[in-house]
C-alpha atoms as a PDB file:
ATOM      1  CA  MET A   1       5.844 -21.603   7.788  1.00  0.00           C
ATOM      2  CA  LEU A   2       4.533 -18.170   6.873  1.00  0.00           C
ATOM      3  CA  MET A   3       7.128 -15.437   6.405  1.00  0.00           C
ATOM      4  CA  ILE A   4       6.293 -11.742   6.237  1.00  0.00           C
ATOM      5  CA  THR A   5       8.649  -9.269   4.611  1.00  0.00           C
ATOM      6  CA  GLY A   6       8.448  -5.517   5.103  1.00  0.00           C
ATOM      7  CA  ALA A   7       7.226  -6.183   8.615  1.00  0.00           C
ATOM      8  CA  THR A   8       8.554  -2.921  10.050  1.00  0.00           C
ATOM      9  CA  GLY A   9       6.461  -0.732   7.751  1.00  0.00           C
ATOM     10  CA  ALA A  10       3.052   0.650   8.632  1.00  0.00           C
ATOM     11  CA  LEU A  11       1.108  -2.156   6.952  1.00  0.00           C
ATOM     12  CA  GLY A  12       3.595  -4.832   7.983  1.00  0.00           C
ATOM     13  CA  LYS A  13       3.328  -3.917  11.648  1.00  0.00           C
ATOM     14  CA  LEU A  14      -0.438  -4.348  11.546  1.00  0.00           C
ATOM     15  CA  VAL A  15      -0.111  -7.715   9.826  1.00  0.00           C
ATOM     16  CA  THR A  16       2.481  -9.065  12.243  1.00  0.00           C
ATOM     17  CA  ALA A  17       0.468  -7.858  15.240  1.00  0.00           C
ATOM     18  CA  ARG A  18      -2.485  -9.905  14.034  1.00  0.00           C
ATOM     19  CA  LEU A  19      -0.298 -12.999  13.772  1.00  0.00           C
ATOM     20  CA  SER A  20       1.758 -12.544  16.933  1.00  0.00           C
ATOM     21  CA  ASP A  21       0.255 -15.587  18.644  1.00  0.00           C
ATOM     22  CA  ARG A  22       1.179 -17.995  15.849  1.00  0.00           C
ATOM     23  CA  GLU A  23       4.354 -20.029  16.198  1.00  0.00           C
ATOM     24  CA  ASP A  24       4.567 -20.755  12.475  1.00  0.00           C
ATOM     25  CA  VAL A  25       5.048 -17.090  11.505  1.00  0.00           C
ATOM     26  CA  VAL A  26       8.499 -15.652  10.901  1.00  0.00           C
ATOM     27  CA  VAL A  27       9.202 -11.964  10.463  1.00  0.00           C
ATOM     28  CA  GLY A  28      11.762 -11.001   7.843  1.00  0.00           C
ATOM     29  CA  THR A  29      13.484  -7.612   8.285  1.00  0.00           C
ATOM     30  CA  ARG A  30      16.863  -6.003   7.673  1.00  0.00           C
ATOM     31  CA  THR A  31      17.605  -6.056  11.403  1.00  0.00           C
ATOM     32  CA  PRO A  32      15.614  -8.970  12.827  1.00  0.00           C
ATOM     33  CA  GLY A  33      14.701  -9.377  16.447  1.00  0.00           C
ATOM     34  CA  PRO A  34      14.528 -12.672  18.345  1.00  0.00           C
ATOM     35  CA  GLY A  35      13.003 -15.401  16.204  1.00  0.00           C
ATOM     36  CA  GLY A  36      13.152 -13.330  13.039  1.00  0.00           C
ATOM     37  CA  ARG A  37      15.236 -13.692   9.918  1.00  0.00           C
ATOM     38  CA  ARG A  38      17.397 -11.169   8.156  1.00  0.00           C
ATOM     39  CA  VAL A  39      15.747 -10.277   4.858  1.00  0.00           C
ATOM     40  CA  ASP A  40      17.322  -7.382   2.980  1.00  0.00           C
ATOM     41  CA  PHE A  41      15.952  -6.890  -0.520  1.00  0.00           C
ATOM     42  CA  ASP A  42      19.181  -5.110  -1.466  1.00  0.00           C
ATOM     43  CA  ASP A  43      21.293  -8.093  -0.423  1.00  0.00           C
ATOM     44  CA  PRO A  44      20.266 -11.218  -2.365  1.00  0.00           C
ATOM     45  CA  SER A  45      22.500 -13.377  -0.142  1.00  0.00           C
ATOM     46  CA  SER A  46      20.098 -12.640   2.744  1.00  0.00           C
ATOM     47  CA  LEU A  47      17.071 -13.956   0.885  1.00  0.00           C
ATOM     48  CA  ASP A  48      16.968 -17.450   2.313  1.00  0.00           C
ATOM     49  CA  PHE A  49      13.395 -18.725   2.171  1.00  0.00           C
ATOM     50  CA  THR A  50      14.198 -22.318   3.035  1.00  0.00           C
ATOM     51  CA  GLY A  51      11.216 -23.964   4.731  1.00  0.00           C
ATOM     52  CA  VAL A  52       8.825 -21.143   3.864  1.00  0.00           C
ATOM     53  CA  ASP A  53       5.436 -22.403   2.715  1.00  0.00           C
ATOM     54  CA  THR A  54       3.849 -18.973   2.202  1.00  0.00           C
ATOM     55  CA  LEU A  55       5.698 -15.717   1.641  1.00  0.00           C
ATOM     56  CA  LEU A  56       3.815 -12.466   2.151  1.00  0.00           C
ATOM     57  CA  VAL A  57       5.780  -9.807   0.286  1.00  0.00           C
ATOM     58  CA  ILE A  58       4.835  -6.299   1.285  1.00  0.00           C
ATOM     59  CA  SER A  59       6.150  -4.216  -1.575  1.00  0.00           C
ATOM     60  CA  ALA A  60       9.653  -2.860  -1.187  1.00  0.00           C
ATOM     61  CA  GLY A  61       8.778   0.736  -0.518  1.00  0.00           C
ATOM     62  CA  ALA A  62       9.260   3.989  -2.341  1.00  0.00           C
ATOM     63  CA  ALA A  63      12.335   4.108  -4.544  1.00  0.00           C
ATOM     64  CA  GLU A  64      13.243   4.600  -8.168  1.00  0.00           C
ATOM     65  CA  ASP A  65      11.620   2.039 -10.456  1.00  0.00           C
ATOM     66  CA  ASP A  66      14.854   0.226 -11.282  1.00  0.00           C
ATOM     67  CA  VAL A  67      15.614  -0.176  -7.587  1.00  0.00           C
ATOM     68  CA  VAL A  68      12.173  -1.584  -6.773  1.00  0.00           C
ATOM     69  CA  THR A  69      12.082  -3.994  -9.711  1.00  0.00           C
ATOM     70  CA  THR A  70      15.576  -5.243  -8.883  1.00  0.00           C
ATOM     71  CA  ARG A  71      14.500  -5.880  -5.303  1.00  0.00           C
ATOM     72  CA  HIS A  72      11.358  -7.710  -6.337  1.00  0.00           C
ATOM     73  CA  GLU A  73      13.210  -9.779  -8.941  1.00  0.00           C
ATOM     74  CA  ALA A  74      15.634 -10.887  -6.253  1.00  0.00           C
ATOM     75  CA  VAL A  75      12.819 -11.873  -3.892  1.00  0.00           C
ATOM     76  CA  ILE A  76      10.819 -13.780  -6.497  1.00  0.00           C
ATOM     77  CA  SER A  77      13.893 -15.583  -7.817  1.00  0.00           C
ATOM     78  CA  ALA A  78      14.904 -16.574  -4.285  1.00  0.00           C
ATOM     79  CA  ALA A  79      11.374 -17.825  -3.591  1.00  0.00           C
ATOM     80  CA  GLU A  80      11.461 -19.931  -6.749  1.00  0.00           C
ATOM     81  CA  LYS A  81      14.863 -21.351  -5.828  1.00  0.00           C
ATOM     82  CA  ALA A  82      13.714 -22.242  -2.312  1.00  0.00           C
ATOM     83  CA  GLY A  83      10.507 -23.886  -3.493  1.00  0.00           C
ATOM     84  CA  VAL A  84       8.179 -21.529  -1.669  1.00  0.00           C
ATOM     85  CA  GLY A  85       4.661 -22.845  -1.978  1.00  0.00           C
ATOM     86  CA  HIS A  86       2.787 -19.550  -2.396  1.00  0.00           C
ATOM     87  CA  LEU A  87       3.722 -15.878  -2.681  1.00  0.00           C
ATOM     88  CA  VAL A  88       1.233 -13.152  -1.735  1.00  0.00           C
ATOM     89  CA  TYR A  89       2.143  -9.681  -2.999  1.00  0.00           C
ATOM     90  CA  THR A  90       0.710  -6.314  -1.965  1.00  0.00           C
ATOM     91  CA  SER A  91       0.340  -4.260  -5.129  1.00  0.00           C
ATOM     92  CA  LEU A  92      -1.452  -1.090  -6.237  1.00  0.00           C
ATOM     93  CA  SER A  93      -5.118  -0.816  -7.221  1.00  0.00           C
ATOM     94  CA  GLY A  94      -5.961  -1.198 -10.886  1.00  0.00           C
ATOM     95  CA  ASP A  95      -7.082   2.413 -11.219  1.00  0.00           C
ATOM     96  CA  GLY A  96      -3.607   3.589 -10.213  1.00  0.00           C
ATOM     97  CA  ASP A  97      -1.898   3.129 -13.565  1.00  0.00           C
ATOM     98  CA  HIS A  98      -1.611   6.904 -14.018  1.00  0.00           C
ATOM     99  CA  LEU A  99       0.590   7.132 -10.938  1.00  0.00           C
ATOM    100  CA  THR A 100       4.341   7.372 -11.402  1.00  0.00           C
ATOM    101  CA  TYR A 101       4.882   4.521  -8.931  1.00  0.00           C
ATOM    102  CA  ALA A 102       2.558   2.073 -10.690  1.00  0.00           C
ATOM    103  CA  LEU A 103       5.146   0.675 -13.097  1.00  0.00           C
ATOM    104  CA  ALA A 104       7.129  -1.284 -10.514  1.00  0.00           C
ATOM    105  CA  HIS A 105       3.946  -2.887  -9.213  1.00  0.00           C
ATOM    106  CA  ARG A 106       2.743  -3.914 -12.661  1.00  0.00           C
ATOM    107  CA  TRP A 107       6.202  -5.239 -13.501  1.00  0.00           C
ATOM    108  CA  THR A 108       6.142  -7.358 -10.346  1.00  0.00           C
ATOM    109  CA  GLU A 109       2.680  -8.708 -11.151  1.00  0.00           C
ATOM    110  CA  ARG A 110       3.865  -9.698 -14.626  1.00  0.00           C
ATOM    111  CA  ARG A 111       6.969 -11.355 -13.160  1.00  0.00           C
ATOM    112  CA  LEU A 112       4.798 -13.362 -10.781  1.00  0.00           C
ATOM    113  CA  ARG A 113       2.531 -14.529 -13.596  1.00  0.00           C
ATOM    114  CA  ARG A 114       5.482 -16.030 -15.443  1.00  0.00           C
ATOM    115  CA  SER A 115       7.099 -17.453 -12.304  1.00  0.00           C
ATOM    116  CA  THR A 116       7.000 -21.064 -11.117  1.00  0.00           C
ATOM    117  CA  LEU A 117       5.192 -19.996  -7.943  1.00  0.00           C
ATOM    118  CA  ASN A 118       1.609 -20.106  -6.832  1.00  0.00           C
ATOM    119  CA  TRP A 119       0.746 -16.465  -6.256  1.00  0.00           C
ATOM    120  CA  THR A 120      -1.943 -14.005  -5.198  1.00  0.00           C
ATOM    121  CA  VAL A 121      -1.908 -10.258  -5.842  1.00  0.00           C
ATOM    122  CA  LEU A 122      -3.600  -7.860  -3.439  1.00  0.00           C
ATOM    123  CA  ARG A 123      -4.152  -4.604  -5.322  1.00  0.00           C
ATOM    124  CA  ASN A 124      -4.441  -2.193  -2.420  1.00  0.00           C
ATOM    125  CA  GLY A 125      -6.097   1.186  -2.794  1.00  0.00           C
ATOM    126  CA  LEU A 126      -4.392   4.234  -1.329  1.00  0.00           C
ATOM    127  CA  TYR A 127      -4.600   4.451   2.439  1.00  0.00           C
ATOM    128  CA  ALA A 128      -6.982   6.774   4.215  1.00  0.00           C
ATOM    129  CA  GLU A 129      -4.020   7.482   6.495  1.00  0.00           C
ATOM    130  CA  PHE A 130      -2.031   8.649   3.471  1.00  0.00           C
ATOM    131  CA  LEU A 131      -4.876  10.956   2.501  1.00  0.00           C
ATOM    132  CA  ALA A 132      -4.688  12.501   5.956  1.00  0.00           C
ATOM    133  CA  ALA A 133      -1.015  13.243   5.364  1.00  0.00           C
ATOM    134  CA  VAL A 134      -1.309  14.756   1.885  1.00  0.00           C
ATOM    135  CA  ALA A 135      -4.615  16.592   2.409  1.00  0.00           C
ATOM    136  CA  ALA A 136      -4.411  17.737   6.003  1.00  0.00           C
ATOM    137  CA  PRO A 137      -5.859  21.123   6.946  1.00  0.00           C
ATOM    138  CA  GLY A 138      -3.447  23.956   7.631  1.00  0.00           C
ATOM    139  CA  PRO A 139      -3.345  25.966  10.865  1.00  0.00           C
ATOM    140  CA  ASP A 140      -6.343  28.035   9.754  1.00  0.00           C
ATOM    141  CA  GLY A 141      -8.359  24.950   8.816  1.00  0.00           C
ATOM    142  CA  THR A 142      -7.862  25.310   5.068  1.00  0.00           C
ATOM    143  CA  ILE A 143      -7.310  22.180   3.009  1.00  0.00           C
ATOM    144  CA  ALA A 144      -5.295  23.406   0.038  1.00  0.00           C
ATOM    145  CA  ALA A 145      -4.373  20.041  -1.478  1.00  0.00           C
ATOM    146  CA  PRO A 146      -4.824  20.179  -5.279  1.00  0.00           C
ATOM    147  CA  LEU A 147      -7.575  17.563  -5.449  1.00  0.00           C
ATOM    148  CA  GLY A 148      -9.820  19.655  -7.689  1.00  0.00           C
ATOM    149  CA  ASP A 149     -13.290  18.144  -7.853  1.00  0.00           C
ATOM    150  CA  GLY A 150     -11.861  14.637  -7.759  1.00  0.00           C
ATOM    151  CA  ARG A 151     -12.351  11.967  -5.147  1.00  0.00           C
ATOM    152  CA  LEU A 152     -10.258   9.127  -3.752  1.00  0.00           C
ATOM    153  CA  ALA A 153     -11.567   5.657  -2.916  1.00  0.00           C
ATOM    154  CA  ALA A 154      -9.321   5.524   0.129  1.00  0.00           C
ATOM    155  CA  VAL A 155      -9.222   2.456   2.337  1.00  0.00           C
ATOM    156  CA  ALA A 156      -8.324   1.944   5.987  1.00  0.00           C
ATOM    157  CA  ARG A 157      -4.911   0.362   6.335  1.00  0.00           C
ATOM    158  CA  GLU A 158      -6.262  -1.925   9.067  1.00  0.00           C
ATOM    159  CA  ASP A 159      -8.735  -3.389   6.585  1.00  0.00           C
ATOM    160  CA  LEU A 160      -5.938  -4.156   4.140  1.00  0.00           C
ATOM    161  CA  ALA A 161      -3.989  -5.821   6.948  1.00  0.00           C
ATOM    162  CA  ASP A 162      -7.001  -7.992   7.751  1.00  0.00           C
ATOM    163  CA  VAL A 163      -7.303  -9.051   4.115  1.00  0.00           C
ATOM    164  CA  ALA A 164      -3.593  -9.828   3.887  1.00  0.00           C
ATOM    165  CA  VAL A 165      -3.811 -12.018   6.978  1.00  0.00           C
ATOM    166  CA  ARG A 166      -6.843 -13.865   5.691  1.00  0.00           C
ATOM    167  CA  VAL A 167      -5.236 -14.642   2.341  1.00  0.00           C
ATOM    168  CA  ALA A 168      -1.740 -15.409   3.637  1.00  0.00           C
ATOM    169  CA  THR A 169      -2.949 -17.828   6.327  1.00  0.00           C
ATOM    170  CA  ASP A 170      -5.037 -19.825   3.845  1.00  0.00           C
ATOM    171  CA  PRO A 171      -3.615 -19.060   0.410  1.00  0.00           C
ATOM    172  CA  ALA A 172      -4.699 -22.091  -1.609  1.00  0.00           C
ATOM    173  CA  PRO A 173      -8.230 -20.834  -2.437  1.00  0.00           C
ATOM    174  CA  HIS A 174      -6.706 -17.588  -3.714  1.00  0.00           C
ATOM    175  CA  ALA A 175      -4.084 -19.027  -6.056  1.00  0.00           C
ATOM    176  CA  GLY A 176      -3.799 -17.155  -9.329  1.00  0.00           C
ATOM    177  CA  ARG A 177      -6.171 -14.439  -8.197  1.00  0.00           C
ATOM    178  CA  THR A 178      -5.732 -10.670  -8.375  1.00  0.00           C
ATOM    179  CA  TYR A 179      -7.966  -8.833  -5.921  1.00  0.00           C
ATOM    180  CA  GLU A 180      -8.951  -5.178  -6.165  1.00  0.00           C
ATOM    181  CA  LEU A 181      -9.242  -3.620  -2.707  1.00  0.00           C
ATOM    182  CA  VAL A 182     -10.473  -0.030  -2.675  1.00  0.00           C
ATOM    183  CA  GLY A 183     -12.790   2.030  -0.508  1.00  0.00           C
ATOM    184  CA  GLU A 184     -16.522   2.022  -1.152  1.00  0.00           C
ATOM    185  CA  HIS A 185     -17.166   5.710  -0.513  1.00  0.00           C
ATOM    186  CA  PRO A 186     -14.715   7.995  -2.326  1.00  0.00           C
ATOM    187  CA  LEU A 187     -13.748  11.199  -0.576  1.00  0.00           C
ATOM    188  CA  GLY A 188     -13.245  14.665  -2.037  1.00  0.00           C
ATOM    189  CA  GLY A 189     -11.764  17.813  -0.605  1.00  0.00           C
ATOM    190  CA  THR A 190     -15.138  19.183   0.456  1.00  0.00           C
ATOM    191  CA  ASP A 191     -15.924  15.966   2.349  1.00  0.00           C
ATOM    192  CA  LEU A 192     -12.630  16.164   4.185  1.00  0.00           C
ATOM    193  CA  ALA A 193     -13.034  19.813   5.101  1.00  0.00           C
ATOM    194  CA  HIS A 194     -16.576  19.323   6.370  1.00  0.00           C
ATOM    195  CA  ALA A 195     -15.499  16.390   8.545  1.00  0.00           C
ATOM    196  CA  VAL A 196     -12.843  18.419  10.352  1.00  0.00           C
ATOM    197  CA  GLY A 197     -14.671  21.739  10.461  1.00  0.00           C
ATOM    198  CA  GLY A 198     -12.414  23.401   7.923  1.00  0.00           C
ATOM    199  CA  HIS A 199     -12.821  24.678   4.399  1.00  0.00           C
ATOM    200  CA  TYR A 200     -11.536  23.532   1.046  1.00  0.00           C
ATOM    201  CA  GLU A 201      -9.613  25.834  -1.236  1.00  0.00           C
ATOM    202  CA  PRO A 202      -7.652  23.631  -3.652  1.00  0.00           C
ATOM    203  CA  GLY A 203      -4.303  24.973  -4.735  1.00  0.00           C
ATOM    204  CA  THR A 204      -2.498  24.344  -7.993  1.00  0.00           C
ATOM    205  CA  LEU A 205      -0.048  21.594  -8.777  1.00  0.00           C
ATOM    206  CA  ALA A 206       2.657  24.192  -9.371  1.00  0.00           C
ATOM    207  CA  ALA A 207       2.142  25.816  -5.987  1.00  0.00           C
ATOM    208  CA  THR A 208       2.105  22.416  -4.312  1.00  0.00           C
ATOM    209  CA  ARG A 209       5.320  21.397  -6.048  1.00  0.00           C
ATOM    210  CA  GLU A 210       6.973  24.606  -4.859  1.00  0.00           C
ATOM    211  CA  ALA A 211       5.801  24.037  -1.289  1.00  0.00           C
ATOM    212  CA  ILE A 212       7.027  20.433  -1.212  1.00  0.00           C
ATOM    213  CA  THR A 213      10.363  21.403  -2.702  1.00  0.00           C
ATOM    214  CA  ALA A 214      10.808  24.324  -0.302  1.00  0.00           C
ATOM    215  CA  ALA A 215      10.107  22.081   2.699  1.00  0.00           C
ATOM    216  CA  GLY A 216      13.183  20.062   1.739  1.00  0.00           C
ATOM    217  CA  GLN A 217      11.883  16.829   3.259  1.00  0.00           C
ATOM    218  CA  ALA A 218      11.077  14.902   0.069  1.00  0.00           C
ATOM    219  CA  LEU A 219      13.643  13.006  -1.961  1.00  0.00           C
ATOM    220  CA  PRO A 220      13.803  14.041  -5.623  1.00  0.00           C
ATOM    221  CA  PHE A 221      11.878  11.001  -6.899  1.00  0.00           C
ATOM    222  CA  GLN A 222       9.158  11.464  -4.285  1.00  0.00           C
ATOM    223  CA  ILE A 223       8.039  14.839  -5.603  1.00  0.00           C
ATOM    224  CA  PRO A 224       6.649  13.504  -8.903  1.00  0.00           C
ATOM    225  CA  MET A 225       5.109  10.631  -6.952  1.00  0.00           C
ATOM    226  CA  LEU A 226       3.124  13.045  -4.813  1.00  0.00           C
ATOM    227  CA  LEU A 227       2.214  15.303  -7.724  1.00  0.00           C
ATOM    228  CA  SER A 228       1.001  12.382  -9.824  1.00  0.00           C
ATOM    229  CA  THR A 229      -1.182  11.284  -6.923  1.00  0.00           C
ATOM    230  CA  TYR A 230      -2.804  14.698  -6.617  1.00  0.00           C
ATOM    231  CA  SER A 231      -3.232  14.881 -10.385  1.00  0.00           C
ATOM    232  CA  ALA A 232      -4.793  11.425 -10.653  1.00  0.00           C
ATOM    233  CA  ILE A 233      -7.251  12.196  -7.861  1.00  0.00           C
ATOM    234  CA  ALA A 234      -8.193  15.538  -9.399  1.00  0.00           C
ATOM    235  CA  GLY A 235      -8.619  13.897 -12.782  1.00  0.00           C
ATOM    236  CA  GLY A 236     -11.127  11.399 -11.405  1.00  0.00           C
ATOM    237  CA  PHE A 237      -8.958   8.332 -11.934  1.00  0.00           C
ATOM    238  CA  LEU A 238      -8.858   7.120  -8.323  1.00  0.00           C
ATOM    239  CA  ASP A 239     -12.502   7.342  -7.291  1.00  0.00           C
ATOM    240  CA  GLY A 240     -13.068   3.605  -7.666  1.00  0.00           C
ATOM    241  CA  THR A 241     -15.572   3.860 -10.524  1.00  0.00           C
ATOM    242  CA  SER A 242     -13.255   2.024 -12.928  1.00  0.00           C
ATOM    243  CA  ILE A 243     -12.827  -0.920 -10.561  1.00  0.00           C
ATOM    244  CA  GLU A 244     -15.203  -3.599 -11.819  1.00  0.00           C
ATOM    245  CA  ASN A 245     -14.950  -6.066  -8.960  1.00  0.00           C
ATOM    246  CA  ASN A 246     -13.935  -4.575  -5.639  1.00  0.00           C
ATOM    247  CA  GLN A 247     -13.321  -7.514  -3.316  1.00  0.00           C
ATOM    248  CA  LEU A 248     -12.641  -5.584  -0.109  1.00  0.00           C
ATOM    249  CA  ARG A 249     -15.957  -6.296   1.604  1.00  0.00           C
ATOM    250  CA  THR A 250     -16.002  -9.924   0.456  1.00  0.00           C
ATOM    251  CA  LEU A 251     -12.530 -10.724   1.743  1.00  0.00           C
ATOM    252  CA  LEU A 252     -13.099  -8.851   4.985  1.00  0.00           C
ATOM    253  CA  GLY A 253     -16.364 -10.664   5.596  1.00  0.00           C
ATOM    254  CA  ARG A 254     -17.761  -7.427   6.960  1.00  0.00           C
ATOM    255  CA  ALA A 255     -18.309  -3.800   6.042  1.00  0.00           C
ATOM    256  CA  PRO A 256     -15.072  -1.861   5.518  1.00  0.00           C
ATOM    257  CA  ARG A 257     -14.173   0.758   8.051  1.00  0.00           C
ATOM    258  CA  PRO A 258     -15.284   4.224   6.844  1.00  0.00           C
ATOM    259  CA  ALA A 259     -12.251   5.946   5.368  1.00  0.00           C
ATOM    260  CA  LEU A 260     -13.561   9.321   6.494  1.00  0.00           C
ATOM    261  CA  ASP A 261     -13.421   8.181  10.128  1.00  0.00           C
ATOM    262  CA  VAL A 262      -9.798   7.168   9.646  1.00  0.00           C
ATOM    263  CA  TYR A 263      -9.000  10.501   8.031  1.00  0.00           C
ATOM    264  CA  VAL A 264     -10.484  12.445  10.941  1.00  0.00           C
ATOM    265  CA  GLU A 265      -8.653  10.344  13.518  1.00  0.00           C
ATOM    266  CA  GLU A 266      -5.349  10.792  11.728  1.00  0.00           C
ATOM    267  CA  VAL A 267      -5.782  14.531  11.354  1.00  0.00           C
ATOM    268  CA  LEU A 268      -6.628  14.919  15.026  1.00  0.00           C
ATOM    269  CA  SER A 269      -3.927  12.551  16.321  1.00  0.00           C
ATOM    270  CA  PRO A 270      -1.620  11.493  13.482  1.00  0.00           C
ATOM    271  CA  SER A 271       0.139   8.179  13.861  1.00  0.00           C
ATOM    272  CA  GLY A 272       2.330   8.546  10.780  1.00  0.00           C
ATOM    273  CA  VAL A 273       2.051   7.085   7.298  1.00  0.00           C
END
């Protein structure tokens, strides 16, 4: 049996859609539908992985570090107790260590390495869809995101779903492996503006912080997350050049989808991040 957690998120939905015709796949969510199981990372009593051969853990979502690490500890401990054969974890690309949300991912990777489980880590680059949300043009076509002269090796979420499916449905060859999965053609503000017929006038981090705060839609911990992302891109830390062995194309078995195409599609008809 293959169980997928986090199946209601953007990546999880793509993964489960690709496996919808398989009878040996079980979806784990807080409020499961027919044939699913209740899996609530905040309720350890719900983490029953009995009979699960492979567990695909899509990371527990944005929260404070102590919340995320507690959730992941509960999941890994439950998997060990149940004798799960293999755990596949979706992490953050290796060039993302400057991001405020990297710590929980690295903690989880370390916990897996000292676990009793067979494991595989998928270090996903930031989504092209996410880039469309945080660097979208304004009403006058101006992209004011504070990306500076930096670039992001963004990757199509569908490609990451395809990789996750490939690894999770045949995990044995990937045991003990950590795969870097980032885009091949990093994108900067000028690239984005040209693609959508706009213009790029990067703002400052301070102005962006003020705008996010004034909008009132971000939780307090999310503001430094967003600002650290902008800062890391502007500083040249997320352009993929520090990734020594990008395995995206190899694991896909084909060329990755151009991230710029995804960005344009999302800007023109956003589907949500």
